[in-house]
Amino acid sequence: MTRSGFLSAMEDILDVSKQTLRTEDSRDTLEQWTSLKDVQIFHLITGEFGIEPDAELIEAETVGDLVTILQRRGAFRG
């Protein structure tokens, strides 16, 4: 999965309009980002990248934090 594919999947999970998700968006800025959405996001990360949620991922606060962690771990292709 590419970075843009991940962001698109995040938009679907968080039920936001396409290409409106910002790197600074978080649980504080998106009221629909609940603990259930966290589970769905971690399921996506595990399923697509084979990366199990760990303390670093769990403590990520923004979309940008998640993207940065996944980039650093070489998750995105293309």
Protein backbone atom coordinates (compact mmCIF):
# COMPACT_ATOMS: atom_id res chain seq x y z
CA MET A 1 0.00 0.00 0.00
CA THR A 2 1.19 3.47 -0.81
CA ARG A 3 1.10 6.47 1.51
CA SER A 4 -1.83 7.93 -0.42
CA GLY A 5 -3.62 4.57 -0.27
CA PHE A 6 -3.18 4.54 3.50
CA LEU A 7 -4.56 8.07 3.79
CA SER A 8 -7.53 7.11 1.61
CA ALA A 9 -8.22 4.09 3.82
CA MET A 10 -7.97 6.33 6.89
CA GLU A 11 -10.52 8.68 5.33
CA ASP A 12 -12.86 5.74 4.82
CA ILE A 13 -12.41 4.52 8.40
CA LEU A 14 -12.85 8.00 9.85
CA ASP A 15 -15.74 8.79 7.50
CA VAL A 16 -14.31 12.05 6.20
CA SER A 17 -14.49 13.41 2.67
CA LYS A 18 -11.76 12.34 0.28
CA GLN A 19 -8.57 14.40 0.37
CA THR A 20 -9.66 16.37 3.44
CA LEU A 21 -7.69 14.45 6.08
CA ARG A 22 -4.84 16.61 7.37
CA THR A 23 -1.61 15.46 8.98
CA GLU A 24 -2.51 17.42 12.13
CA ASP A 25 -5.92 15.72 12.48
CA SER A 26 -6.30 13.76 15.70
CA ARG A 27 -8.84 12.41 18.13
CA ASP A 28 -9.15 16.01 19.35
CA THR A 29 -10.05 17.47 15.94
CA LEU A 30 -12.24 14.65 14.60
CA GLU A 31 -15.10 13.76 16.92
CA GLN A 32 -15.76 10.56 14.97
CA TRP A 33 -12.23 9.27 15.80
CA THR A 34 -13.16 6.96 18.65
CA SER A 35 -11.50 3.98 20.28
CA LEU A 36 -13.43 1.75 17.85
CA LYS A 37 -11.83 3.67 14.98
CA ASP A 38 -8.43 3.06 16.61
CA VAL A 39 -9.11 -0.68 16.45
CA GLN A 40 -10.02 -0.39 12.77
CA ILE A 41 -6.89 1.66 12.03
CA PHE A 42 -4.65 -0.85 13.81
CA HIS A 43 -6.38 -3.69 11.97
CA LEU A 44 -5.60 -1.89 8.69
CA ILE A 45 -1.95 -1.43 9.68
CA THR A 46 -1.59 -5.07 10.71
CA GLY A 47 -3.39 -6.41 7.65
CA GLU A 48 -1.70 -4.22 5.05
CA PHE A 49 1.79 -3.90 6.49
CA GLY A 50 2.13 -6.83 8.88
CA ILE A 51 3.02 -4.41 11.67
CA GLU A 52 1.52 -5.21 15.05
CA PRO A 53 0.47 -2.23 17.17
CA ASP A 54 3.13 -1.39 19.72
CA ALA A 55 3.58 1.44 22.21
CA GLU A 56 4.86 3.84 19.55
CA LEU A 57 1.86 3.30 17.27
CA ILE A 58 -0.62 3.33 20.13
CA GLU A 59 0.78 6.61 21.46
CA ALA A 60 0.66 8.33 18.03
CA GLU A 61 -1.63 11.33 18.36
CA THR A 62 -2.13 12.56 14.80
CA VAL A 63 -2.51 11.23 11.29
CA GLY A 64 0.95 12.65 10.61
CA ASP A 65 2.40 10.73 13.55
CA LEU A 66 1.04 7.47 12.14
CA VAL A 67 2.36 8.24 8.65
CA THR A 68 5.80 9.16 10.02
CA ILE A 69 6.05 5.95 12.04
CA LEU A 70 4.98 3.82 9.09
CA GLN A 71 7.38 5.61 6.72
CA ARG A 72 10.25 5.12 9.14
CA ARG A 73 9.44 1.41 9.27
CA GLY A 74 9.43 1.17 5.48
CA ALA A 75 5.75 0.28 5.28
CA PHE A 76 4.84 2.29 2.17
CA ARG A 77 5.73 1.18 -1.31
CA GLY A 78 5.91 3.40 -4.28
